Amino acid sequence: MSSKERSYLLTDAGRKAWESQDLSVPEDYRRILWLMDFHGKEAVVGELLRRYPAKVLDEWVVEMEQLGLIEPAAEGGDKGAFSARSADRTGNMDQAALKRSGQAASEHLTHTGAYIAADRLATRPTHRKGPTECVVLIVEDDPDQLALAELRVSMAGYKVRLATSVNAFLHSMLDDGAPDLLLLDVFLPDGNGFDLLVKLRRHPVLGSLPIVMLTSENKPEYIGKGLLLGADGYVIKPYTKNILADVIRRVLKHDGGA
């Protein structure tokens, strides 16, 4: 890998290649393209794919550029965790529609501390594994909130994995595979939970991953946004052990239904 860090954006062809799992594109390339849809920086992708020699990865990136799967980010452009093209795609959503869709959910959250998207869960089968076999991945950057969530999920009988950022989430997914359920904070130091939700729902394999949003924000348009993007439920902070455990059970249908 060159000493100068480079940032790339996926082209339409590159995004289509990983979304459709195009077998004409090597599996390693599709994996890198998926990661680049989260992190445009080559250095970040290299860190996440540390099993590959840096020189090999550098050559692959050059070849993907030649194939038209990626393109360099503009000089002086956004060098943050997400490339401009893969930024939050919800900014143009009609705010009135978001507010309407989230009104009932927001009111329910205010009174009960949690909300389940029953329409999304209506056709989902009961999770095959029992609670003690299920892994819940918690993505939360606040140390106190993370420790509290870990304690409460563990007390509910589930196995727990932790991540404090989008980068750490990707490490966890690559190293240990997908969890059975994701508890996802909205505001993270290197990204946005809504943007991560969008990307997961578009993924050919992870698109049906159960995802519950953790938030301290209860405005109707804010809640509506997450539900329209595919969240299975919401838990408002602060929450009790019973509320969190009940939401996990219901989303995984460990109680026999939604």
C-alpha atoms as a PDB file:
ATOM      1  CA  MET A   1       0.000   0.000   0.000  1.00  0.00           C
ATOM      2  CA  SER A   2       1.354   3.424  -0.853  1.00  0.00           C
ATOM      3  CA  SER A   3       2.508   5.647   1.959  1.00  0.00           C
ATOM      4  CA  LYS A   4       0.026   8.336   0.969  1.00  0.00           C
ATOM      5  CA  GLU A   5      -3.454   7.385   2.107  1.00  0.00           C
ATOM      6  CA  ARG A   6      -5.989   7.361  -0.693  1.00  0.00           C
ATOM      7  CA  SER A   7      -9.763   7.589  -0.632  1.00  0.00           C
ATOM      8  CA  TYR A   8     -12.093   6.021  -3.155  1.00  0.00           C
ATOM      9  CA  LEU A   9     -15.759   6.030  -4.044  1.00  0.00           C
ATOM     10  CA  LEU A  10     -17.670   3.091  -5.443  1.00  0.00           C
ATOM     11  CA  THR A  11     -18.944   3.528  -8.964  1.00  0.00           C
ATOM     12  CA  ASP A  12     -22.416   2.330  -9.881  1.00  0.00           C
ATOM     13  CA  ALA A  13     -20.778  -0.750 -11.424  1.00  0.00           C
ATOM     14  CA  GLY A  14     -18.855  -1.443  -8.221  1.00  0.00           C
ATOM     15  CA  ARG A  15     -21.909  -1.187  -6.011  1.00  0.00           C
ATOM     16  CA  LYS A  16     -23.904  -3.378  -8.378  1.00  0.00           C
ATOM     17  CA  ALA A  17     -21.109  -5.987  -8.320  1.00  0.00           C
ATOM     18  CA  TRP A  18     -21.264  -6.547  -4.565  1.00  0.00           C
ATOM     19  CA  GLU A  19     -25.023  -6.114  -4.233  1.00  0.00           C
ATOM     20  CA  SER A  20     -25.758  -8.714  -6.910  1.00  0.00           C
ATOM     21  CA  GLN A  21     -22.840 -10.952  -5.851  1.00  0.00           C
ATOM     22  CA  ASP A  22     -21.673 -10.947  -9.487  1.00  0.00           C
ATOM     23  CA  LEU A  23     -19.586 -14.126  -9.814  1.00  0.00           C
ATOM     24  CA  SER A  24     -17.570 -12.611 -12.645  1.00  0.00           C
ATOM     25  CA  VAL A  25     -16.015 -10.349  -9.993  1.00  0.00           C
ATOM     26  CA  PRO A  26     -13.654 -12.232  -7.608  1.00  0.00           C
ATOM     27  CA  GLU A  27     -15.043 -12.865  -4.134  1.00  0.00           C
ATOM     28  CA  ASP A  28     -12.205 -10.920  -2.485  1.00  0.00           C
ATOM     29  CA  TYR A  29     -12.982  -7.950  -4.711  1.00  0.00           C
ATOM     30  CA  ARG A  30     -16.678  -8.079  -3.804  1.00  0.00           C
ATOM     31  CA  ARG A  31     -15.725  -8.139  -0.149  1.00  0.00           C
ATOM     32  CA  ILE A  32     -13.493  -5.094  -0.558  1.00  0.00           C
ATOM     33  CA  LEU A  33     -16.207  -3.298  -2.529  1.00  0.00           C
ATOM     34  CA  TRP A  34     -18.675  -3.928   0.294  1.00  0.00           C
ATOM     35  CA  LEU A  35     -16.209  -2.512   2.818  1.00  0.00           C
ATOM     36  CA  MET A  36     -15.519   0.490   0.620  1.00  0.00           C
ATOM     37  CA  ASP A  37     -19.236   1.207   0.613  1.00  0.00           C
ATOM     38  CA  PHE A  38     -18.805   1.759   4.352  1.00  0.00           C
ATOM     39  CA  HIS A  39     -15.289   3.236   4.410  1.00  0.00           C
ATOM     40  CA  GLY A  40     -13.862   4.972   1.367  1.00  0.00           C
ATOM     41  CA  LYS A  41     -10.331   5.053   2.734  1.00  0.00           C
ATOM     42  CA  GLU A  42      -7.989   2.421   1.344  1.00  0.00           C
ATOM     43  CA  ALA A  43      -6.017   2.470   4.606  1.00  0.00           C
ATOM     44  CA  VAL A  44      -9.132   1.612   6.615  1.00  0.00           C
ATOM     45  CA  VAL A  45     -10.043  -1.199   4.239  1.00  0.00           C
ATOM     46  CA  GLY A  46      -6.479  -2.488   4.494  1.00  0.00           C
ATOM     47  CA  GLU A  47      -6.720  -2.547   8.277  1.00  0.00           C
ATOM     48  CA  LEU A  48      -9.985  -4.474   8.147  1.00  0.00           C
ATOM     49  CA  LEU A  49      -8.534  -6.961   5.659  1.00  0.00           C
ATOM     50  CA  ARG A  50      -5.257  -7.297   7.536  1.00  0.00           C
ATOM     51  CA  ARG A  51      -4.979 -10.976   6.568  1.00  0.00           C
ATOM     52  CA  TYR A  52      -3.887  -9.819   3.109  1.00  0.00           C
ATOM     53  CA  PRO A  53      -0.382  -8.389   2.461  1.00  0.00           C
ATOM     54  CA  ALA A  54      -0.513  -4.628   1.941  1.00  0.00           C
ATOM     55  CA  LYS A  55       1.150  -4.913  -1.470  1.00  0.00           C
ATOM     56  CA  VAL A  56      -1.453  -7.418  -2.662  1.00  0.00           C
ATOM     57  CA  LEU A  57      -4.321  -5.251  -1.472  1.00  0.00           C
ATOM     58  CA  ASP A  58      -2.760  -2.199  -3.115  1.00  0.00           C
ATOM     59  CA  GLU A  59      -2.555  -4.039  -6.453  1.00  0.00           C
ATOM     60  CA  TRP A  60      -6.157  -5.206  -6.131  1.00  0.00           C
ATOM     61  CA  VAL A  61      -7.360  -1.663  -5.508  1.00  0.00           C
ATOM     62  CA  VAL A  62      -5.488  -0.441  -8.594  1.00  0.00           C
ATOM     63  CA  GLU A  63      -7.060  -3.217 -10.668  1.00  0.00           C
ATOM     64  CA  MET A  64     -10.554  -2.451  -9.368  1.00  0.00           C
ATOM     65  CA  GLU A  65     -10.024   1.155 -10.405  1.00  0.00           C
ATOM     66  CA  GLN A  66      -8.961  -0.006 -13.876  1.00  0.00           C
ATOM     67  CA  LEU A  67     -12.090  -2.166 -14.090  1.00  0.00           C
ATOM     68  CA  GLY A  68     -14.253   0.845 -13.287  1.00  0.00           C
ATOM     69  CA  LEU A  69     -15.487  -0.577  -9.970  1.00  0.00           C
ATOM     70  CA  ILE A  70     -14.090   2.311  -7.903  1.00  0.00           C
ATOM     71  CA  GLU A  71     -12.855   5.825  -8.557  1.00  0.00           C
ATOM     72  CA  PRO A  72     -10.613   8.200  -6.571  1.00  0.00           C
ATOM     73  CA  ALA A  73     -12.368  10.671  -4.303  1.00  0.00           C
ATOM     74  CA  ALA A  74     -11.933  14.306  -5.291  1.00  0.00           C
ATOM     75  CA  GLU A  75      -8.932  16.065  -3.789  1.00  0.00           C
ATOM     76  CA  GLY A  76      -9.937  18.002  -0.720  1.00  0.00           C
ATOM     77  CA  GLY A  77     -13.201  16.109  -0.495  1.00  0.00           C
ATOM     78  CA  ASP A  78     -14.669  14.458   2.564  1.00  0.00           C
ATOM     79  CA  LYS A  79     -12.015  12.251   4.166  1.00  0.00           C
ATOM     80  CA  GLY A  80     -14.302  11.039   6.927  1.00  0.00           C
ATOM     81  CA  ALA A  81     -15.431   7.500   7.593  1.00  0.00           C
ATOM     82  CA  PHE A  82     -17.988   7.567   4.783  1.00  0.00           C
ATOM     83  CA  SER A  83     -17.456   8.669   1.230  1.00  0.00           C
ATOM     84  CA  ALA A  84     -19.768  11.348  -0.114  1.00  0.00           C
ATOM     85  CA  ARG A  85     -21.541   8.896  -2.413  1.00  0.00           C
ATOM     86  CA  SER A  86     -22.319   6.493   0.406  1.00  0.00           C
ATOM     87  CA  ALA A  87     -23.465   9.173   2.845  1.00  0.00           C
ATOM     88  CA  ASP A  88     -26.859   9.161   4.530  1.00  0.00           C
ATOM     89  CA  ARG A  89     -29.377   8.593   1.738  1.00  0.00           C
ATOM     90  CA  THR A  90     -32.338   9.745   3.828  1.00  0.00           C
ATOM     91  CA  GLY A  91     -31.725  13.483   3.698  1.00  0.00           C
ATOM     92  CA  ASN A  92     -34.235  14.005   0.889  1.00  0.00           C
ATOM     93  CA  MET A  93     -37.047  12.118   2.591  1.00  0.00           C
ATOM     94  CA  ASP A  94     -40.220  14.142   3.012  1.00  0.00           C
ATOM     95  CA  GLN A  95     -40.127  15.363   6.610  1.00  0.00           C
ATOM     96  CA  ALA A  96     -43.915  15.480   6.914  1.00  0.00           C
ATOM     97  CA  ALA A  97     -44.133  11.848   5.778  1.00  0.00           C
ATOM     98  CA  LEU A  98     -41.440  10.869   8.259  1.00  0.00           C
ATOM     99  CA  LYS A  99     -43.319  12.607  11.055  1.00  0.00           C
ATOM    100  CA  ARG A 100     -46.600  10.912  10.150  1.00  0.00           C
ATOM    101  CA  SER A 101     -45.025   7.462   9.962  1.00  0.00           C
ATOM    102  CA  GLY A 102     -43.272   7.931  13.279  1.00  0.00           C
ATOM    103  CA  GLN A 103     -46.065   9.601  15.264  1.00  0.00           C
ATOM    104  CA  ALA A 104     -47.694   6.463  16.660  1.00  0.00           C
ATOM    105  CA  ALA A 105     -44.338   4.809  17.298  1.00  0.00           C
ATOM    106  CA  SER A 106     -43.065   7.906  19.092  1.00  0.00           C
ATOM    107  CA  GLU A 107     -46.124   8.008  21.332  1.00  0.00           C
ATOM    108  CA  HIS A 108     -45.727   4.300  22.082  1.00  0.00           C
ATOM    109  CA  LEU A 109     -42.047   4.827  22.936  1.00  0.00           C
ATOM    110  CA  THR A 110     -42.959   7.657  25.293  1.00  0.00           C
ATOM    111  CA  HIS A 111     -45.371   5.454  27.231  1.00  0.00           C
ATOM    112  CA  THR A 112     -43.587   2.092  27.159  1.00  0.00           C
ATOM    113  CA  GLY A 113     -39.916   2.768  26.355  1.00  0.00           C
ATOM    114  CA  ALA A 114     -39.913   0.464  23.327  1.00  0.00           C
ATOM    115  CA  TYR A 115     -41.549  -0.075  19.949  1.00  0.00           C
ATOM    116  CA  ILE A 116     -41.723  -3.140  17.703  1.00  0.00           C
ATOM    117  CA  ALA A 117     -42.311  -2.879  13.943  1.00  0.00           C
ATOM    118  CA  ALA A 118     -44.970  -5.595  13.930  1.00  0.00           C
ATOM    119  CA  ASP A 119     -45.556  -5.354  10.182  1.00  0.00           C
ATOM    120  CA  ARG A 120     -41.905  -6.198   9.494  1.00  0.00           C
ATOM    121  CA  LEU A 121     -41.981  -9.151  11.863  1.00  0.00           C
ATOM    122  CA  ALA A 122     -45.313 -10.578  10.722  1.00  0.00           C
ATOM    123  CA  THR A 123     -43.773 -12.899   8.150  1.00  0.00           C
ATOM    124  CA  ARG A 124     -40.501 -13.584   9.932  1.00  0.00           C
ATOM    125  CA  PRO A 125     -40.199 -17.131  11.323  1.00  0.00           C
ATOM    126  CA  THR A 126     -39.191 -17.853  14.888  1.00  0.00           C
ATOM    127  CA  HIS A 127     -35.424 -17.718  15.237  1.00  0.00           C
ATOM    128  CA  ARG A 128     -34.005 -21.222  14.990  1.00  0.00           C
ATOM    129  CA  LYS A 129     -31.600 -20.889  17.905  1.00  0.00           C
ATOM    130  CA  GLY A 130     -32.669 -20.599  21.505  1.00  0.00           C
ATOM    131  CA  PRO A 131     -31.791 -17.549  23.619  1.00  0.00           C
ATOM    132  CA  THR A 132     -28.657 -19.052  25.178  1.00  0.00           C
ATOM    133  CA  GLU A 133     -27.243 -19.784  21.706  1.00  0.00           C
ATOM    134  CA  CYS A 134     -28.014 -16.363  20.232  1.00  0.00           C
ATOM    135  CA  VAL A 135     -25.408 -13.621  19.893  1.00  0.00           C
ATOM    136  CA  VAL A 136     -26.416  -9.989  20.294  1.00  0.00           C
ATOM    137  CA  LEU A 137     -23.948  -7.450  18.908  1.00  0.00           C
ATOM    138  CA  ILE A 138     -24.202  -4.075  20.652  1.00  0.00           C
ATOM    139  CA  VAL A 139     -22.860  -1.048  18.763  1.00  0.00           C
ATOM    140  CA  GLU A 140     -22.634   1.831  21.245  1.00  0.00           C
ATOM    141  CA  ASP A 141     -19.876   4.400  21.753  1.00  0.00           C
ATOM    142  CA  ASP A 142     -20.798   5.646  25.231  1.00  0.00           C
ATOM    143  CA  PRO A 143     -18.831   3.494  27.751  1.00  0.00           C
ATOM    144  CA  ASP A 144     -21.498   3.670  30.454  1.00  0.00           C
ATOM    145  CA  GLN A 145     -24.329   2.861  28.062  1.00  0.00           C
ATOM    146  CA  LEU A 146     -22.287   0.029  26.535  1.00  0.00           C
ATOM    147  CA  ALA A 147     -21.531  -1.525  29.930  1.00  0.00           C
ATOM    148  CA  LEU A 148     -25.173  -1.215  30.934  1.00  0.00           C
ATOM    149  CA  ALA A 149     -26.413  -2.780  27.708  1.00  0.00           C
ATOM    150  CA  GLU A 150     -23.894  -5.620  27.984  1.00  0.00           C
ATOM    151  CA  LEU A 151     -25.003  -6.363  31.539  1.00  0.00           C
ATOM    152  CA  ARG A 152     -28.685  -6.338  30.689  1.00  0.00           C
ATOM    153  CA  VAL A 153     -28.397  -8.451  27.552  1.00  0.00           C
ATOM    154  CA  SER A 154     -26.206 -10.959  29.415  1.00  0.00           C
ATOM    155  CA  MET A 155     -28.682 -11.110  32.292  1.00  0.00           C
ATOM    156  CA  ALA A 156     -31.403 -11.890  29.756  1.00  0.00           C
ATOM    157  CA  GLY A 157     -29.463 -15.025  28.803  1.00  0.00           C
ATOM    158  CA  TYR A 158     -27.954 -13.971  25.472  1.00  0.00           C
ATOM    159  CA  LYS A 159     -24.339 -14.046  24.365  1.00  0.00           C
ATOM    160  CA  VAL A 160     -22.880 -10.595  23.805  1.00  0.00           C
ATOM    161  CA  ARG A 161     -20.378  -8.980  21.439  1.00  0.00           C
ATOM    162  CA  LEU A 162     -19.440  -5.322  21.657  1.00  0.00           C
ATOM    163  CA  ALA A 163     -18.423  -2.607  19.207  1.00  0.00           C
ATOM    164  CA  THR A 164     -17.860   1.078  19.911  1.00  0.00           C
ATOM    165  CA  SER A 165     -17.857   2.374  16.327  1.00  0.00           C
ATOM    166  CA  VAL A 166     -18.704   1.496  12.741  1.00  0.00           C
ATOM    167  CA  ASN A 167     -15.081   0.464  12.254  1.00  0.00           C
ATOM    168  CA  ALA A 168     -15.260  -1.860  15.265  1.00  0.00           C
ATOM    169  CA  PHE A 169     -18.564  -3.236  13.962  1.00  0.00           C
ATOM    170  CA  LEU A 170     -16.920  -4.155  10.656  1.00  0.00           C
ATOM    171  CA  HIS A 171     -14.016  -5.788  12.501  1.00  0.00           C
ATOM    172  CA  SER A 172     -16.502  -7.844  14.516  1.00  0.00           C
ATOM    173  CA  MET A 173     -18.408  -8.921  11.417  1.00  0.00           C
ATOM    174  CA  LEU A 174     -15.250  -9.925   9.556  1.00  0.00           C
ATOM    175  CA  ASP A 175     -13.641 -11.705  12.496  1.00  0.00           C
ATOM    176  CA  ASP A 176     -16.653 -13.385  14.100  1.00  0.00           C
ATOM    177  CA  GLY A 177     -19.437 -13.327  11.527  1.00  0.00           C
ATOM    178  CA  ALA A 178     -22.937 -11.922  11.723  1.00  0.00           C
ATOM    179  CA  PRO A 179     -24.753 -11.866  15.074  1.00  0.00           C
ATOM    180  CA  ASP A 180     -28.305 -13.059  15.583  1.00  0.00           C
ATOM    181  CA  LEU A 181     -29.451  -9.538  16.446  1.00  0.00           C
ATOM    182  CA  LEU A 182     -27.914  -6.076  16.260  1.00  0.00           C
ATOM    183  CA  LEU A 183     -28.527  -3.371  18.870  1.00  0.00           C
ATOM    184  CA  LEU A 184     -27.479  -0.214  17.046  1.00  0.00           C
ATOM    185  CA  ASP A 185     -26.914   3.249  18.467  1.00  0.00           C
ATOM    186  CA  VAL A 186     -27.704   6.063  16.048  1.00  0.00           C
ATOM    187  CA  PHE A 187     -24.886   8.503  16.795  1.00  0.00           C
ATOM    188  CA  LEU A 188     -21.442   6.915  16.452  1.00  0.00           C
ATOM    189  CA  PRO A 189     -17.999   8.570  16.334  1.00  0.00           C
ATOM    190  CA  ASP A 190     -17.211   7.483  12.775  1.00  0.00           C
ATOM    191  CA  GLY A 191     -20.622   7.213  11.196  1.00  0.00           C
ATOM    192  CA  ASN A 192     -24.366   7.264  11.550  1.00  0.00           C
ATOM    193  CA  GLY A 193     -26.549   4.367  12.617  1.00  0.00           C
ATOM    194  CA  PHE A 194     -29.155   5.211   9.988  1.00  0.00           C
ATOM    195  CA  ASP A 195     -26.540   5.038   7.238  1.00  0.00           C
ATOM    196  CA  LEU A 196     -25.347   1.677   8.559  1.00  0.00           C
ATOM    197  CA  LEU A 197     -28.963   0.474   8.657  1.00  0.00           C
ATOM    198  CA  VAL A 198     -29.415   1.434   4.988  1.00  0.00           C
ATOM    199  CA  LYS A 199     -26.303  -0.448   3.932  1.00  0.00           C
ATOM    200  CA  LEU A 200     -27.214  -3.586   5.880  1.00  0.00           C
ATOM    201  CA  ARG A 201     -30.744  -3.663   4.462  1.00  0.00           C
ATOM    202  CA  ARG A 202     -29.268  -3.488   0.950  1.00  0.00           C
ATOM    203  CA  HIS A 203     -26.828  -6.336   1.584  1.00  0.00           C
ATOM    204  CA  PRO A 204     -27.755  -9.624  -0.173  1.00  0.00           C
ATOM    205  CA  VAL A 205     -26.931 -11.738   2.893  1.00  0.00           C
ATOM    206  CA  LEU A 206     -27.354  -9.374   5.854  1.00  0.00           C
ATOM    207  CA  GLY A 207     -30.522  -7.727   4.573  1.00  0.00           C
ATOM    208  CA  SER A 208     -32.750  -9.699   6.959  1.00  0.00           C
ATOM    209  CA  LEU A 209     -30.536  -9.279  10.044  1.00  0.00           C
ATOM    210  CA  PRO A 210     -32.746  -8.301  13.026  1.00  0.00           C
ATOM    211  CA  ILE A 211     -31.850  -4.709  13.962  1.00  0.00           C
ATOM    212  CA  VAL A 212     -33.095  -2.716  16.951  1.00  0.00           C
ATOM    213  CA  MET A 213     -32.168   0.952  17.240  1.00  0.00           C
ATOM    214  CA  LEU A 214     -31.027   2.456  20.548  1.00  0.00           C
ATOM    215  CA  THR A 215     -31.723   6.166  20.869  1.00  0.00           C
ATOM    216  CA  SER A 216     -32.307   9.021  23.278  1.00  0.00           C
ATOM    217  CA  GLU A 217     -34.153  11.008  20.583  1.00  0.00           C
ATOM    218  CA  ASN A 218     -37.906  10.467  20.388  1.00  0.00           C
ATOM    219  CA  LYS A 219     -39.121  12.966  17.785  1.00  0.00           C
ATOM    220  CA  PRO A 220     -41.709  11.414  15.428  1.00  0.00           C
ATOM    221  CA  GLU A 221     -39.779  12.296  12.251  1.00  0.00           C
ATOM    222  CA  TYR A 222     -36.636  10.786  13.755  1.00  0.00           C
ATOM    223  CA  ILE A 223     -38.353   7.531  14.731  1.00  0.00           C
ATOM    224  CA  GLY A 224     -40.176   7.394  11.400  1.00  0.00           C
ATOM    225  CA  LYS A 225     -36.878   7.659   9.569  1.00  0.00           C
ATOM    226  CA  GLY A 226     -35.478   4.520  11.198  1.00  0.00           C
ATOM    227  CA  LEU A 227     -38.676   2.557  10.643  1.00  0.00           C
ATOM    228  CA  LEU A 228     -38.855   3.502   6.960  1.00  0.00           C
ATOM    229  CA  LEU A 229     -35.227   2.444   6.555  1.00  0.00           C
ATOM    230  CA  GLY A 230     -35.985  -1.006   7.961  1.00  0.00           C
ATOM    231  CA  ALA A 231     -35.467  -0.998  11.729  1.00  0.00           C
ATOM    232  CA  ASP A 232     -37.268  -3.872  13.465  1.00  0.00           C
ATOM    233  CA  GLY A 233     -37.739  -1.894  16.643  1.00  0.00           C
ATOM    234  CA  TYR A 234     -36.652   0.952  18.876  1.00  0.00           C
ATOM    235  CA  VAL A 235     -35.575   1.176  22.496  1.00  0.00           C
ATOM    236  CA  ILE A 236     -35.422   4.614  24.085  1.00  0.00           C
ATOM    237  CA  LYS A 237     -32.641   5.463  26.544  1.00  0.00           C
ATOM    238  CA  PRO A 238     -32.634   5.067  29.488  1.00  0.00           C
ATOM    239  CA  TYR A 239     -34.217   1.619  29.506  1.00  0.00           C
ATOM    240  CA  THR A 240     -34.675  -1.225  31.967  1.00  0.00           C
ATOM    241  CA  LYS A 241     -33.444  -4.804  31.705  1.00  0.00           C
ATOM    242  CA  ASN A 242     -36.985  -6.060  31.241  1.00  0.00           C
ATOM    243  CA  ILE A 243     -37.713  -3.646  28.385  1.00  0.00           C
ATOM    244  CA  LEU A 244     -34.540  -4.569  26.511  1.00  0.00           C
ATOM    245  CA  ALA A 245     -34.973  -8.309  27.077  1.00  0.00           C
ATOM    246  CA  ASP A 246     -38.609  -8.157  25.966  1.00  0.00           C
ATOM    247  CA  VAL A 247     -37.738  -6.365  22.713  1.00  0.00           C
ATOM    248  CA  ILE A 248     -34.996  -8.877  21.883  1.00  0.00           C
ATOM    249  CA  ARG A 249     -37.325 -11.815  22.601  1.00  0.00           C
ATOM    250  CA  ARG A 250     -40.104 -10.347  20.478  1.00  0.00           C
ATOM    251  CA  VAL A 251     -37.895  -9.470  17.514  1.00  0.00           C
ATOM    252  CA  LEU A 252     -36.372 -12.972  17.539  1.00  0.00           C
ATOM    253  CA  LYS A 253     -39.831 -14.410  18.267  1.00  0.00           C
ATOM    254  CA  HIS A 254     -38.584 -16.336  21.262  1.00  0.00           C
ATOM    255  CA  ASP A 255     -41.903 -15.637  22.934  1.00  0.00           C
ATOM    256  CA  GLY A 256     -43.809 -17.327  20.129  1.00  0.00           C
ATOM    257  CA  GLY A 257     -44.722 -14.224  18.162  1.00  0.00           C
ATOM    258  CA  ALA A 258     -44.116 -10.552  17.475  1.00  0.00           C
END
